Amino acid sequence: MAPIQRDWTIGRNTFHFEAPDVLWARFQGDCSLDEAILLVKLYRELGSVHPFFVLSDMAAAGGIDAEARRYINEHVRQEWLLGIIYYKTRLLHRAIAKGLLLAAEMTRSEDDPPSTKIYFVPTRDRAWELLVQLRARQEEHHVG
């Protein structure tokens, strides 16, 4: 069942859910702890219904404060996410994403699923192309 609400705003960041499994995100400015808490709440709400992909426009994004980073790492569940595709990123965003991924790997127990795959592409069109490829791979695994 798809969520009733399809658009959200958290701080200056906007989100749009596109059925069946895509959350488009546009991050703007720095991410605070309050925004991280609301972001995790949104991911939980969507992920409890069906795992989803996040496609994030990072062109206007800033950094993320340490408490926000810690909160996201401790509260986002890998089973909520099918994958994250960032586009229009800078080196800062790649470093933050890789750091979150490394921290998640280091803190997960052997019973937890492996970390969500994170991808970086230059444009929204390329993000969509990659999403189509990832869905096709997912279908192959379910059929095979």
Protein backbone atom coordinates (compact mmCIF):
# COMPACT_ATOMS: atom_id res chain seq x y z
CA MET A 1 0.00 0.00 0.00
CA ALA A 2 1.47 3.34 -1.06
CA PRO A 3 1.61 6.16 1.48
CA ILE A 4 -1.30 8.61 1.45
CA GLN A 5 1.00 11.62 1.70
CA ARG A 6 3.32 12.05 -1.26
CA ASP A 7 5.18 15.32 -0.57
CA TRP A 8 7.10 16.45 2.49
CA THR A 9 9.24 19.40 3.51
CA ILE A 10 11.85 19.09 6.24
CA GLY A 11 13.62 22.39 6.85
CA ARG A 12 14.58 23.57 3.36
CA ASN A 13 14.66 20.00 2.02
CA THR A 14 11.84 18.61 -0.11
CA PHE A 15 10.75 15.03 -0.74
CA HIS A 16 8.34 13.45 -3.21
CA PHE A 17 7.28 9.79 -3.17
CA GLU A 18 6.69 8.20 -6.55
CA ALA A 19 5.02 4.78 -6.45
CA PRO A 20 5.95 2.07 -6.20
CA ASP A 21 9.32 2.62 -4.53
CA VAL A 22 11.08 5.95 -5.19
CA LEU A 23 11.60 8.86 -2.82
CA TRP A 24 12.95 11.87 -4.70
CA ALA A 25 14.86 14.17 -2.35
CA ARG A 26 16.28 17.66 -2.82
CA PHE A 27 18.63 18.66 -0.03
CA GLN A 28 19.37 22.35 0.54
CA GLY A 29 21.76 23.79 3.07
CA ASP A 30 23.14 22.07 6.14
CA CYS A 31 21.33 19.24 7.93
CA SER A 32 20.60 19.80 11.64
CA LEU A 33 19.75 17.23 14.30
CA ASP A 34 16.07 18.27 14.21
CA GLU A 35 15.99 17.71 10.44
CA ALA A 36 17.76 14.36 10.82
CA ILE A 37 15.13 13.21 13.33
CA LEU A 38 12.32 14.13 10.90
CA LEU A 39 14.19 12.50 8.01
CA VAL A 40 14.50 9.22 9.92
CA LYS A 41 10.80 9.43 10.81
CA LEU A 42 9.95 9.80 7.10
CA TYR A 43 12.20 6.89 6.10
CA ARG A 44 10.64 4.74 8.85
CA GLU A 45 7.12 5.63 7.71
CA LEU A 46 7.85 4.71 4.10
CA GLY A 47 10.12 1.75 4.83
CA SER A 48 7.64 0.09 7.16
CA VAL A 49 5.23 -0.18 4.22
CA HIS A 50 7.72 -1.17 1.50
CA PRO A 51 11.50 -0.77 1.01
CA PHE A 52 12.32 2.11 -1.32
CA PHE A 53 15.05 3.83 -3.31
CA VAL A 54 16.18 7.38 -2.48
CA LEU A 55 17.24 9.57 -5.40
CA SER A 56 18.82 12.73 -3.97
CA ASP A 57 19.62 16.01 -5.70
CA MET A 58 22.60 17.36 -3.79
CA ALA A 59 23.33 20.49 -5.88
CA ALA A 60 22.32 22.91 -3.10
CA ALA A 61 23.12 20.65 -0.13
CA GLY A 62 25.56 21.64 2.54
CA GLY A 63 27.06 19.56 5.31
CA ILE A 64 25.58 17.62 8.19
CA ASP A 65 26.37 18.29 11.82
CA ALA A 66 27.94 15.55 13.93
CA GLU A 67 24.85 14.86 16.07
CA ALA A 68 22.66 14.61 12.97
CA ARG A 69 25.12 12.20 11.37
CA ARG A 70 25.20 10.07 14.52
CA TYR A 71 21.40 10.05 14.79
CA ILE A 72 20.95 8.94 11.18
CA ASN A 73 23.56 6.23 11.58
CA GLU A 74 21.96 4.88 14.75
CA HIS A 75 18.32 5.00 13.62
CA VAL A 76 18.05 4.33 9.87
CA ARG A 77 17.40 0.63 9.23
CA GLN A 78 18.97 -0.90 6.16
CA GLU A 79 15.85 -2.97 5.46
CA TRP A 80 13.93 0.26 4.72
CA LEU A 81 16.18 1.14 1.78
CA LEU A 82 16.73 -0.60 -1.55
CA GLY A 83 19.50 1.81 -2.50
CA ILE A 84 20.49 5.48 -2.49
CA ILE A 85 21.47 7.35 -5.63
CA TYR A 86 23.02 10.79 -5.14
CA TYR A 87 23.38 13.15 -8.08
CA LYS A 88 24.94 16.59 -8.51
CA THR A 89 27.24 15.82 -5.58
CA ARG A 90 30.43 17.45 -4.43
CA LEU A 91 33.36 15.71 -2.75
CA LEU A 92 31.96 16.77 0.65
CA HIS A 93 28.73 14.82 0.03
CA ARG A 94 30.59 11.73 -1.12
CA ALA A 95 32.76 11.81 1.99
CA ILE A 96 29.73 12.21 4.28
CA ALA A 97 27.84 9.37 2.57
CA LYS A 98 30.84 7.04 2.62
CA GLY A 99 31.46 7.91 6.29
CA LEU A 100 27.85 7.06 7.20
CA LEU A 101 28.12 3.81 5.26
CA LEU A 102 31.38 2.86 6.98
CA ALA A 103 29.97 3.66 10.42
CA ALA A 104 26.88 1.57 9.68
CA GLU A 105 29.05 -1.38 8.65
CA MET A 106 31.21 -1.10 11.75
CA THR A 107 28.27 -0.95 14.15
CA ARG A 108 25.96 -3.59 12.64
CA SER A 109 25.75 -7.01 14.20
CA GLU A 110 26.24 -10.17 12.17
CA ASP A 111 22.46 -10.69 12.18
CA ASP A 112 21.78 -7.32 10.54
CA PRO A 113 21.48 -7.07 6.77
CA PRO A 114 24.44 -5.52 4.94
CA SER A 115 24.44 -1.78 4.39
CA THR A 116 22.38 -0.16 1.72
CA LYS A 117 24.20 0.39 -1.55
CA ILE A 118 25.07 4.02 -2.31
CA TYR A 119 25.72 5.31 -5.82
CA PHE A 120 26.91 8.64 -7.20
CA VAL A 121 25.97 9.86 -10.67
CA PRO A 122 26.25 13.28 -12.31
CA THR A 123 22.63 14.01 -13.32
CA ARG A 124 18.97 13.28 -12.54
CA ASP A 125 18.63 11.48 -15.89
CA ARG A 126 21.57 9.24 -15.06
CA ALA A 127 20.05 8.58 -11.61
CA TRP A 128 16.85 7.39 -13.30
CA GLU A 129 18.81 5.17 -15.72
CA LEU A 130 20.68 3.59 -12.81
CA LEU A 131 17.40 3.05 -10.94
CA VAL A 132 16.01 1.14 -13.93
CA GLN A 133 19.16 -1.03 -13.97
CA LEU A 134 18.96 -1.69 -10.22
CA ARG A 135 15.31 -2.70 -10.47
CA ALA A 136 16.15 -5.08 -13.32
CA ARG A 137 18.92 -6.66 -11.21
CA GLN A 138 16.52 -6.96 -8.29
CA GLU A 139 13.98 -8.74 -10.51
CA GLU A 140 16.68 -11.16 -11.72
CA HIS A 141 17.51 -12.08 -8.12
CA HIS A 142 13.84 -12.66 -7.25
CA VAL A 143 13.23 -14.79 -10.35
CA GLY A 144 16.48 -16.75 -10.15
